[in-house]
PDB file of N, CA and C in Angstrom:
ATOM      1  N   MET A   1       9.028  30.735  14.280  1.00  0.00           N
ATOM      2  CA  MET A   1       9.926  29.972  13.442  1.00  0.00           C
ATOM      3  C   MET A   1      10.945  30.923  12.848  1.00  0.00           C
ATOM      4  N   GLU A   2      12.182  30.594  13.008  1.00  0.00           N
ATOM      5  CA  GLU A   2      13.255  31.446  12.519  1.00  0.00           C
ATOM      6  C   GLU A   2      13.733  30.936  11.167  1.00  0.00           C
ATOM      7  N   ILE A   3      13.904  31.846  10.235  1.00  0.00           N
ATOM      8  CA  ILE A   3      14.403  31.499   8.910  1.00  0.00           C
ATOM      9  C   ILE A   3      15.863  31.900   8.856  1.00  0.00           C
ATOM     10  N   SER A   4      16.708  30.929   8.557  1.00  0.00           N
ATOM     11  CA  SER A   4      18.135  31.223   8.491  1.00  0.00           C
ATOM     12  C   SER A   4      18.541  31.478   7.051  1.00  0.00           C
ATOM     13  N   GLY A   5      19.548  32.271   6.889  1.00  0.00           N
ATOM     14  CA  GLY A   5      20.034  32.600   5.563  1.00  0.00           C
ATOM     15  C   GLY A   5      20.928  31.519   5.006  1.00  0.00           C
ATOM     16  N   LEU A   6      21.398  31.731   3.786  1.00  0.00           N
ATOM     17  CA  LEU A   6      22.285  30.778   3.143  1.00  0.00           C
ATOM     18  C   LEU A   6      23.639  30.696   3.826  1.00  0.00           C
ATOM     19  N   ASN A   7      24.005  31.728   4.541  1.00  0.00           N
ATOM     20  CA  ASN A   7      25.306  31.735   5.192  1.00  0.00           C
ATOM     21  C   ASN A   7      25.416  30.674   6.281  1.00  0.00           C
ATOM     22  N   SER A   8      24.284  30.237   6.811  1.00  0.00           N
ATOM     23  CA  SER A   8      24.327  29.257   7.887  1.00  0.00           C
ATOM     24  C   SER A   8      24.524  27.834   7.370  1.00  0.00           C
ATOM     25  N   ILE A   9      24.451  27.629   6.057  1.00  0.00           N
ATOM     26  CA  ILE A   9      24.624  26.302   5.464  1.00  0.00           C
ATOM     27  C   ILE A   9      26.039  26.193   4.925  1.00  0.00           C
ATOM     28  N   GLU A  10      26.703  25.126   5.308  1.00  0.00           N
ATOM     29  CA  GLU A  10      28.042  24.904   4.792  1.00  0.00           C
ATOM     30  C   GLU A  10      27.949  24.515   3.328  1.00  0.00           C
ATOM     31  N   MET A  11      28.811  25.077   2.508  1.00  0.00           N
ATOM     32  CA  MET A  11      28.754  24.840   1.079  1.00  0.00           C
ATOM     33  C   MET A  11      29.248  23.442   0.702  1.00  0.00           C
ATOM     34  N   ASN A  12      30.060  22.812   1.536  1.00  0.00           N
ATOM     35  CA  ASN A  12      30.562  21.489   1.207  1.00  0.00           C
ATOM     36  C   ASN A  12      29.632  20.387   1.718  1.00  0.00           C
ATOM     37  N   GLN A  13      28.533  20.755   2.351  1.00  0.00           N
ATOM     38  CA  GLN A  13      27.579  19.795   2.884  1.00  0.00           C
ATOM     39  C   GLN A  13      26.665  19.317   1.761  1.00  0.00           C
ATOM     40  N   ASN A  14      26.481  18.010   1.652  1.00  0.00           N
ATOM     41  CA  ASN A  14      25.621  17.427   0.630  1.00  0.00           C
ATOM     42  C   ASN A  14      24.176  17.430   1.147  1.00  0.00           C
ATOM     43  N   PRO A  15      23.266  18.181   0.518  1.00  0.00           N
ATOM     44  CA  PRO A  15      21.884  18.236   1.009  1.00  0.00           C
ATOM     45  C   PRO A  15      21.125  16.929   0.792  1.00  0.00           C
ATOM     46  N   PHE A  16      21.631  16.055  -0.089  1.00  0.00           N
ATOM     47  CA  PHE A  16      20.960  14.803  -0.388  1.00  0.00           C
ATOM     48  C   PHE A  16      21.585  13.617   0.344  1.00  0.00           C
ATOM     49  N   GLN A  17      22.446  13.910   1.269  1.00  0.00           N
ATOM     50  CA  GLN A  17      23.135  12.877   2.033  1.00  0.00           C
ATOM     51  C   GLN A  17      22.143  12.121   2.913  1.00  0.00           C
ATOM     52  N   LYS A  18      22.298  10.814   2.950  1.00  0.00           N
ATOM     53  CA  LYS A  18      21.410   9.983   3.768  1.00  0.00           C
ATOM     54  C   LYS A  18      21.756  10.194   5.234  1.00  0.00           C
ATOM     55  N   ILE A  19      20.744  10.496   6.017  1.00  0.00           N
ATOM     56  CA  ILE A  19      20.936  10.749   7.433  1.00  0.00           C
ATOM     57  C   ILE A  19      20.498   9.516   8.197  1.00  0.00           C
ATOM     58  N   GLU A  20      21.379   8.986   9.019  1.00  0.00           N
ATOM     59  CA  GLU A  20      21.057   7.820   9.833  1.00  0.00           C
ATOM     60  C   GLU A  20      20.334   8.285  11.090  1.00  0.00           C
ATOM     61  N   THR A  21      19.141   7.784  11.300  1.00  0.00           N
ATOM     62  CA  THR A  21      18.356   8.191  12.465  1.00  0.00           C
ATOM     63  C   THR A  21      18.238   7.086  13.495  1.00  0.00           C
ATOM     64  N   GLY A  22      18.741   5.898  13.180  1.00  0.00           N
ATOM     65  CA  GLY A  22      18.632   4.794  14.103  1.00  0.00           C
ATOM     66  C   GLY A  22      17.324   4.028  13.960  1.00  0.00           C
ATOM     67  N   LYS A  23      16.392   4.563  13.209  1.00  0.00           N
ATOM     68  CA  LYS A  23      15.119   3.890  12.980  1.00  0.00           C
ATOM     69  C   LYS A  23      15.265   2.964  11.768  1.00  0.00           C
ATOM     70  N   PRO A  24      14.565   1.845  11.757  1.00  0.00           N
ATOM     71  CA  PRO A  24      14.627   0.979  10.576  1.00  0.00           C
ATOM     72  C   PRO A  24      13.970   1.676   9.381  1.00  0.00           C
ATOM     73  N   GLN A  25      14.589   1.562   8.242  1.00  0.00           N
ATOM     74  CA  GLN A  25      14.068   2.187   7.032  1.00  0.00           C
ATOM     75  C   GLN A  25      12.995   1.288   6.418  1.00  0.00           C
ATOM     76  N   THR A  26      11.857   1.865   6.084  1.00  0.00           N
ATOM     77  CA  THR A  26      10.766   1.140   5.461  1.00  0.00           C
ATOM     78  C   THR A  26      10.758   1.479   3.982  1.00  0.00           C
ATOM     79  N   SER A  27      10.882   0.474   3.152  1.00  0.00           N
ATOM     80  CA  SER A  27      10.899   0.716   1.722  1.00  0.00           C
ATOM     81  C   SER A  27       9.492   0.582   1.151  1.00  0.00           C
ATOM     82  N   PHE A  28       9.319   1.115  -0.031  1.00  0.00           N
ATOM     83  CA  PHE A  28       8.022   1.020  -0.707  1.00  0.00           C
ATOM     84  C   PHE A  28       7.669  -0.434  -0.951  1.00  0.00           C
ATOM     85  N   ALA A  29       8.661  -1.234  -1.301  1.00  0.00           N
ATOM     86  CA  ALA A  29       8.409  -2.652  -1.564  1.00  0.00           C
ATOM     87  C   ALA A  29       7.880  -3.360  -0.320  1.00  0.00           C
ATOM     88  N   ASN A  30       8.450  -3.039   0.852  1.00  0.00           N
ATOM     89  CA  ASN A  30       7.987  -3.661   2.093  1.00  0.00           C
ATOM     90  C   ASN A  30       6.560  -3.240   2.425  1.00  0.00           C
ATOM     91  N   VAL A  31       6.262  -1.973   2.245  1.00  0.00           N
ATOM     92  CA  VAL A  31       4.911  -1.477   2.522  1.00  0.00           C
ATOM     93  C   VAL A  31       3.919  -2.122   1.564  1.00  0.00           C
ATOM     94  N   PHE A  32       4.278  -2.205   0.296  1.00  0.00           N
ATOM     95  CA  PHE A  32       3.392  -2.782  -0.703  1.00  0.00           C
ATOM     96  C   PHE A  32       3.185  -4.275  -0.455  1.00  0.00           C
ATOM     97  N   GLN A  33       4.255  -4.979  -0.078  1.00  0.00           N
ATOM     98  CA  GLN A  33       4.149  -6.401   0.226  1.00  0.00           C
ATOM     99  C   GLN A  33       3.223  -6.632   1.425  1.00  0.00           C
ATOM    100  N   SER A  34       3.360  -5.775   2.428  1.00  0.00           N
ATOM    101  CA  SER A  34       2.493  -5.871   3.603  1.00  0.00           C
ATOM    102  C   SER A  34       1.030  -5.647   3.217  1.00  0.00           C
ATOM    103  N   TYR A  35       0.792  -4.662   2.356  1.00  0.00           N
ATOM    104  CA  TYR A  35      -0.569  -4.393   1.891  1.00  0.00           C
ATOM    105  C   TYR A  35      -1.127  -5.598   1.137  1.00  0.00           C
ATOM    106  N   LEU A  36      -0.321  -6.185   0.258  1.00  0.00           N
ATOM    107  CA  LEU A  36      -0.789  -7.346  -0.502  1.00  0.00           C
ATOM    108  C   LEU A  36      -1.080  -8.531   0.409  1.00  0.00           C
ATOM    109  N   ASN A  37      -0.281  -8.697   1.449  1.00  0.00           N
ATOM    110  CA  ASN A  37      -0.547  -9.763   2.414  1.00  0.00           C
ATOM    111  C   ASN A  37      -1.874  -9.529   3.132  1.00  0.00           C
ATOM    112  N   ASN A  38      -2.152  -8.268   3.476  1.00  0.00           N
ATOM    113  CA  ASN A  38      -3.428  -7.946   4.123  1.00  0.00           C
ATOM    114  C   ASN A  38      -4.608  -8.187   3.195  1.00  0.00           C
ATOM    115  N   VAL A  39      -4.446  -7.858   1.921  1.00  0.00           N
ATOM    116  CA  VAL A  39      -5.512  -8.103   0.939  1.00  0.00           C
ATOM    117  C   VAL A  39      -5.754  -9.604   0.819  1.00  0.00           C
ATOM    118  N   ASP A  40      -4.687 -10.367   0.750  1.00  0.00           N
ATOM    119  CA  ASP A  40      -4.812 -11.817   0.651  1.00  0.00           C
ATOM    120  C   ASP A  40      -5.531 -12.393   1.867  1.00  0.00           C
ATOM    121  N   LYS A  41      -5.166 -11.895   3.041  1.00  0.00           N
ATOM    122  CA  LYS A  41      -5.805 -12.345   4.282  1.00  0.00           C
ATOM    123  C   LYS A  41      -7.297 -11.999   4.276  1.00  0.00           C
ATOM    124  N   THR A  42      -7.645 -10.819   3.808  1.00  0.00           N
ATOM    125  CA  THR A  42      -9.040 -10.389   3.745  1.00  0.00           C
ATOM    126  C   THR A  42      -9.847 -11.261   2.788  1.00  0.00           C
ATOM    127  N   VAL A  43      -9.267 -11.564   1.640  1.00  0.00           N
ATOM    128  CA  VAL A  43      -9.958 -12.397   0.653  1.00  0.00           C
ATOM    129  C   VAL A  43     -10.148 -13.816   1.194  1.00  0.00           C
ATOM    130  N   LYS A  44      -9.123 -14.358   1.836  1.00  0.00           N
ATOM    131  CA  LYS A  44      -9.245 -15.707   2.401  1.00  0.00           C
ATOM    132  C   LYS A  44     -10.295 -15.755   3.510  1.00  0.00           C
ATOM    133  N   GLN A  45     -10.331 -14.708   4.338  1.00  0.00           N
ATOM    134  CA  GLN A  45     -11.324 -14.647   5.409  1.00  0.00           C
ATOM    135  C   GLN A  45     -12.741 -14.612   4.814  1.00  0.00           C
ATOM    136  N   ALA A  46     -12.948 -13.813   3.780  1.00  0.00           N
ATOM    137  CA  ALA A  46     -14.263 -13.735   3.139  1.00  0.00           C
ATOM    138  C   ALA A  46     -14.629 -15.075   2.510  1.00  0.00           C
ATOM    139  N   SER A  47     -13.656 -15.728   1.912  1.00  0.00           N
ATOM    140  CA  SER A  47     -13.911 -17.028   1.299  1.00  0.00           C
ATOM    141  C   SER A  47     -14.296 -18.064   2.353  1.00  0.00           C
ATOM    142  N   ASN A  48     -13.576 -18.066   3.461  1.00  0.00           N
ATOM    143  CA  ASN A  48     -13.891 -19.008   4.540  1.00  0.00           C
ATOM    144  C   ASN A  48     -15.283 -18.756   5.119  1.00  0.00           C
ATOM    145  N   LEU A  49     -15.633 -17.492   5.308  1.00  0.00           N
ATOM    146  CA  LEU A  49     -16.969 -17.177   5.817  1.00  0.00           C
ATOM    147  C   LEU A  49     -18.058 -17.585   4.833  1.00  0.00           C
ATOM    148  N   THR A  50     -17.780 -17.437   3.549  1.00  0.00           N
ATOM    149  CA  THR A  50     -18.752 -17.831   2.533  1.00  0.00           C
ATOM    150  C   THR A  50     -18.969 -19.333   2.553  1.00  0.00           C
ATOM    151  N   VAL A  51     -17.894 -20.086   2.693  1.00  0.00           N
ATOM    152  CA  VAL A  51     -18.007 -21.549   2.771  1.00  0.00           C
ATOM    153  C   VAL A  51     -18.788 -21.949   4.022  1.00  0.00           C
ATOM    154  N   LYS A  52     -18.497 -21.290   5.140  1.00  0.00           N
ATOM    155  CA  LYS A  52     -19.221 -21.593   6.375  1.00  0.00           C
ATOM    156  C   LYS A  52     -20.706 -21.233   6.255  1.00  0.00           C
ATOM    157  N   ALA A  53     -20.990 -20.134   5.558  1.00  0.00           N
ATOM    158  CA  ALA A  53     -22.394 -19.747   5.365  1.00  0.00           C
ATOM    159  C   ALA A  53     -23.127 -20.770   4.510  1.00  0.00           C
ATOM    160  N   ALA A  54     -22.449 -21.281   3.488  1.00  0.00           N
ATOM    161  CA  ALA A  54     -23.069 -22.289   2.626  1.00  0.00           C
ATOM    162  C   ALA A  54     -23.320 -23.586   3.392  1.00  0.00           C
ATOM    163  N   ALA A  55     -22.477 -23.859   4.374  1.00  0.00           N
ATOM    164  CA  ALA A  55     -22.640 -25.072   5.184  1.00  0.00           C
ATOM    165  C   ALA A  55     -23.618 -24.854   6.326  1.00  0.00           C
ATOM    166  N   GLY A  56     -24.080 -23.629   6.513  1.00  0.00           N
ATOM    167  CA  GLY A  56     -25.036 -23.330   7.565  1.00  0.00           C
ATOM    168  C   GLY A  56     -24.397 -23.133   8.931  1.00  0.00           C
ATOM    169  N   GLU A  57     -23.102 -22.843   8.966  1.00  0.00           N
ATOM    170  CA  GLU A  57     -22.376 -22.698  10.228  1.00  0.00           C
ATOM    171  C   GLU A  57     -22.299 -21.253  10.720  1.00  0.00           C
ATOM    172  N   VAL A  58     -22.830 -20.308   9.952  1.00  0.00           N
ATOM    173  CA  VAL A  58     -22.757 -18.890  10.315  1.00  0.00           C
ATOM    174  C   VAL A  58     -24.121 -18.443  10.830  1.00  0.00           C
ATOM    175  N   ASP A  59     -24.105 -17.818  12.001  1.00  0.00           N
ATOM    176  CA  ASP A  59     -25.356 -17.338  12.575  1.00  0.00           C
ATOM    177  C   ASP A  59     -25.795 -16.009  11.971  1.00  0.00           C
ATOM    178  N   ASN A  60     -24.824 -15.137  11.684  1.00  0.00           N
ATOM    179  CA  ASN A  60     -25.137 -13.796  11.204  1.00  0.00           C
ATOM    180  C   ASN A  60     -24.651 -13.640   9.769  1.00  0.00           C
ATOM    181  N   ILE A  61     -25.564 -13.580   8.822  1.00  0.00           N
ATOM    182  CA  ILE A  61     -25.205 -13.455   7.401  1.00  0.00           C
ATOM    183  C   ILE A  61     -24.595 -12.091   7.096  1.00  0.00           C
ATOM    184  N   HIS A  62     -24.836 -11.111   7.969  1.00  0.00           N
ATOM    185  CA  HIS A  62     -24.284  -9.779   7.754  1.00  0.00           C
ATOM    186  C   HIS A  62     -22.761  -9.801   7.805  1.00  0.00           C
ATOM    187  N   ASP A  63     -22.197 -10.645   8.659  1.00  0.00           N
ATOM    188  CA  ASP A  63     -20.740 -10.756   8.743  1.00  0.00           C
ATOM    189  C   ASP A  63     -20.154 -11.253   7.425  1.00  0.00           C
ATOM    190  N   VAL A  64     -20.840 -12.170   6.790  1.00  0.00           N
ATOM    191  CA  VAL A  64     -20.388 -12.700   5.505  1.00  0.00           C
ATOM    192  C   VAL A  64     -20.450 -11.615   4.438  1.00  0.00           C
ATOM    193  N   THR A  65     -21.538 -10.871   4.422  1.00  0.00           N
ATOM    194  CA  THR A  65     -21.703  -9.798   3.440  1.00  0.00           C
ATOM    195  C   THR A  65     -20.646  -8.715   3.626  1.00  0.00           C
ATOM    196  N   ILE A  66     -20.402  -8.339   4.864  1.00  0.00           N
ATOM    197  CA  ILE A  66     -19.401  -7.300   5.147  1.00  0.00           C
ATOM    198  C   ILE A  66     -18.009  -7.777   4.745  1.00  0.00           C
ATOM    199  N   ALA A  67     -17.670  -9.010   5.086  1.00  0.00           N
ATOM    200  CA  ALA A  67     -16.351  -9.550   4.720  1.00  0.00           C
ATOM    201  C   ALA A  67     -16.194  -9.618   3.205  1.00  0.00           C
ATOM    202  N   SER A  68     -17.254  -9.999   2.504  1.00  0.00           N
ATOM    203  CA  SER A  68     -17.200 -10.065   1.036  1.00  0.00           C
ATOM    204  C   SER A  68     -17.005  -8.685   0.428  1.00  0.00           C
ATOM    205  N   GLN A  69     -17.693  -7.682   0.964  1.00  0.00           N
ATOM    206  CA  GLN A  69     -17.545  -6.323   0.447  1.00  0.00           C
ATOM    207  C   GLN A  69     -16.153  -5.765   0.727  1.00  0.00           C
ATOM    208  N   LYS A  70     -15.608  -6.065   1.915  1.00  0.00           N
ATOM    209  CA  LYS A  70     -14.241  -5.631   2.230  1.00  0.00           C
ATOM    210  C   LYS A  70     -13.246  -6.241   1.250  1.00  0.00           C
ATOM    211  N   ALA A  71     -13.418  -7.533   0.966  1.00  0.00           N
ATOM    212  CA  ALA A  71     -12.525  -8.213   0.033  1.00  0.00           C
ATOM    213  C   ALA A  71     -12.648  -7.619  -1.365  1.00  0.00           C
ATOM    214  N   LYS A  72     -13.885  -7.341  -1.761  1.00  0.00           N
ATOM    215  CA  LYS A  72     -14.122  -6.760  -3.090  1.00  0.00           C
ATOM    216  C   LYS A  72     -13.459  -5.392  -3.213  1.00  0.00           C
ATOM    217  N   LEU A  73     -13.636  -4.548  -2.201  1.00  0.00           N
ATOM    218  CA  LEU A  73     -13.025  -3.215  -2.234  1.00  0.00           C
ATOM    219  C   LEU A  73     -11.504  -3.281  -2.211  1.00  0.00           C
ATOM    220  N   ALA A  74     -10.957  -4.203  -1.421  1.00  0.00           N
ATOM    221  CA  ALA A  74      -9.502  -4.349  -1.356  1.00  0.00           C
ATOM    222  C   ALA A  74      -8.948  -4.779  -2.710  1.00  0.00           C
ATOM    223  N   LEU A  75      -9.633  -5.702  -3.361  1.00  0.00           N
ATOM    224  CA  LEU A  75      -9.174  -6.144  -4.684  1.00  0.00           C
ATOM    225  C   LEU A  75      -9.313  -5.037  -5.728  1.00  0.00           C
ATOM    226  N   GLU A  76     -10.399  -4.283  -5.667  1.00  0.00           N
ATOM    227  CA  GLU A  76     -10.571  -3.174  -6.610  1.00  0.00           C
ATOM    228  C   GLU A  76      -9.478  -2.122  -6.433  1.00  0.00           C
ATOM    229  N   LEU A  77      -9.148  -1.813  -5.172  1.00  0.00           N
ATOM    230  CA  LEU A  77      -8.077  -0.855  -4.913  1.00  0.00           C
ATOM    231  C   LEU A  77      -6.738  -1.377  -5.420  1.00  0.00           C
ATOM    232  N   THR A  78      -6.480  -2.653  -5.204  1.00  0.00           N
ATOM    233  CA  THR A  78      -5.225  -3.246  -5.665  1.00  0.00           C
ATOM    234  C   THR A  78      -5.117  -3.187  -7.184  1.00  0.00           C
ATOM    235  N   VAL A  79      -6.189  -3.501  -7.876  1.00  0.00           N
ATOM    236  CA  VAL A  79      -6.183  -3.449  -9.342  1.00  0.00           C
ATOM    237  C   VAL A  79      -5.996  -2.008  -9.819  1.00  0.00           C
ATOM    238  N   THR A  80      -6.627  -1.052  -9.153  1.00  0.00           N
ATOM    239  CA  THR A  80      -6.480   0.355  -9.529  1.00  0.00           C
ATOM    240  C   THR A  80      -5.046   0.830  -9.340  1.00  0.00           C
ATOM    241  N   VAL A  81      -4.433   0.451  -8.232  1.00  0.00           N
ATOM    242  CA  VAL A  81      -3.037   0.835  -7.986  1.00  0.00           C
ATOM    243  C   VAL A  81      -2.129   0.193  -9.028  1.00  0.00           C
ATOM    244  N   ARG A  82      -2.385  -1.066  -9.338  1.00  0.00           N
ATOM    245  CA  ARG A  82      -1.588  -1.739 -10.368  1.00  0.00           C
ATOM    246  C   ARG A  82      -1.720  -1.041 -11.716  1.00  0.00           C
ATOM    247  N   ASP A  83      -2.960  -0.702 -12.089  1.00  0.00           N
ATOM    248  CA  ASP A  83      -3.185  -0.023 -13.367  1.00  0.00           C
ATOM    249  C   ASP A  83      -2.481   1.325 -13.414  1.00  0.00           C
ATOM    250  N   LYS A  84      -2.517   2.071 -12.302  1.00  0.00           N
ATOM    251  CA  LYS A  84      -1.840   3.374 -12.261  1.00  0.00           C
ATOM    252  C   LYS A  84      -0.326   3.206 -12.342  1.00  0.00           C
ATOM    253  N   ALA A  85       0.197   2.169 -11.701  1.00  0.00           N
ATOM    254  CA  ALA A  85       1.642   1.923 -11.757  1.00  0.00           C
ATOM    255  C   ALA A  85       2.071   1.572 -13.181  1.00  0.00           C
ATOM    256  N   VAL A  86       1.296   0.742 -13.854  1.00  0.00           N
ATOM    257  CA  VAL A  86       1.609   0.375 -15.242  1.00  0.00           C
ATOM    258  C   VAL A  86       1.498   1.601 -16.143  1.00  0.00           C
ATOM    259  N   GLU A  87       0.471   2.396 -15.940  1.00  0.00           N
ATOM    260  CA  GLU A  87       0.285   3.611 -16.722  1.00  0.00           C
ATOM    261  C   GLU A  87       1.448   4.582 -16.516  1.00  0.00           C
ATOM    262  N   SER A  88       1.883   4.721 -15.283  1.00  0.00           N
ATOM    263  CA  SER A  88       3.022   5.601 -14.982  1.00  0.00           C
ATOM    264  C   SER A  88       4.288   5.091 -15.638  1.00  0.00           C
ATOM    265  N   TYR A  89       4.518   3.785 -15.575  1.00  0.00           N
ATOM    266  CA  TYR A  89       5.690   3.188 -16.209  1.00  0.00           C
ATOM    267  C   TYR A  89       5.665   3.439 -17.713  1.00  0.00           C
ATOM    268  N   GLN A  90       4.500   3.246 -18.334  1.00  0.00           N
ATOM    269  CA  GLN A  90       4.396   3.472 -19.775  1.00  0.00           C
ATOM    270  C   GLN A  90       4.630   4.929 -20.123  1.00  0.00           C
ATOM    271  N   GLU A  91       4.158   5.846 -19.282  1.00  0.00           N
ATOM    272  CA  GLU A  91       4.373   7.273 -19.531  1.00  0.00           C
ATOM    273  C   GLU A  91       5.858   7.614 -19.423  1.00  0.00           C
ATOM    274  N   ILE A  92       6.532   7.052 -18.456  1.00  0.00           N
ATOM    275  CA  ILE A  92       7.978   7.288 -18.309  1.00  0.00           C
ATOM    276  C   ILE A  92       8.726   6.744 -19.523  1.00  0.00           C
ATOM    277  N   MET A  93       8.313   5.593 -20.029  1.00  0.00           N
ATOM    278  CA  MET A  93       8.972   5.009 -21.205  1.00  0.00           C
ATOM    279  C   MET A  93       8.740   5.849 -22.460  1.00  0.00           C
ATOM    280  N   ARG A  94       7.655   6.597 -22.502  1.00  0.00           N
ATOM    281  CA  ARG A  94       7.374   7.454 -23.661  1.00  0.00           C
ATOM    282  C   ARG A  94       8.144   8.770 -23.632  1.00  0.00           C
ATOM    283  N   MET A  95       8.704   9.103 -22.467  1.00  0.00           N
ATOM    284  CA  MET A  95       9.425  10.369 -22.343  1.00  0.00           C
ATOM    285  C   MET A  95      10.681  10.362 -23.213  1.00  0.00           C
ATOM    286  N   GLN A  96      10.966  11.511 -23.784  1.00  0.00           N
ATOM    287  CA  GLN A  96      12.184  11.663 -24.575  1.00  0.00           C
ATOM    288  C   GLN A  96      13.154  12.552 -23.820  1.00  0.00           C
ATOM    289  N   PHE A  97      14.370  12.081 -23.714  1.00  0.00           N
ATOM    290  CA  PHE A  97      15.383  12.862 -22.987  1.00  0.00           C
ATOM    291  C   PHE A  97      16.258  13.615 -23.922  1.00  0.00           C
TER     292      PHE A  97
END
């Protein structure tokens, strides 16, 4: 790996300039929305399996237990991320400039 000196960088070049790569840009909001949709899908799947188990339509109760645990963990992670985001926002609001 070659390390170039400062002389190789043009001084009028903006280092923070947005570079177009031709790839679609993924925003945090899109990623978070996708995650929330997956959590919702997981919870609905667990709920449906639970209803089917109560009706006696499920052969393997382990599938219901696994789906319920996945839903529980997904919701716990979502709540933890939300709490950290709120905590971070409150910390930023407490900062003095």
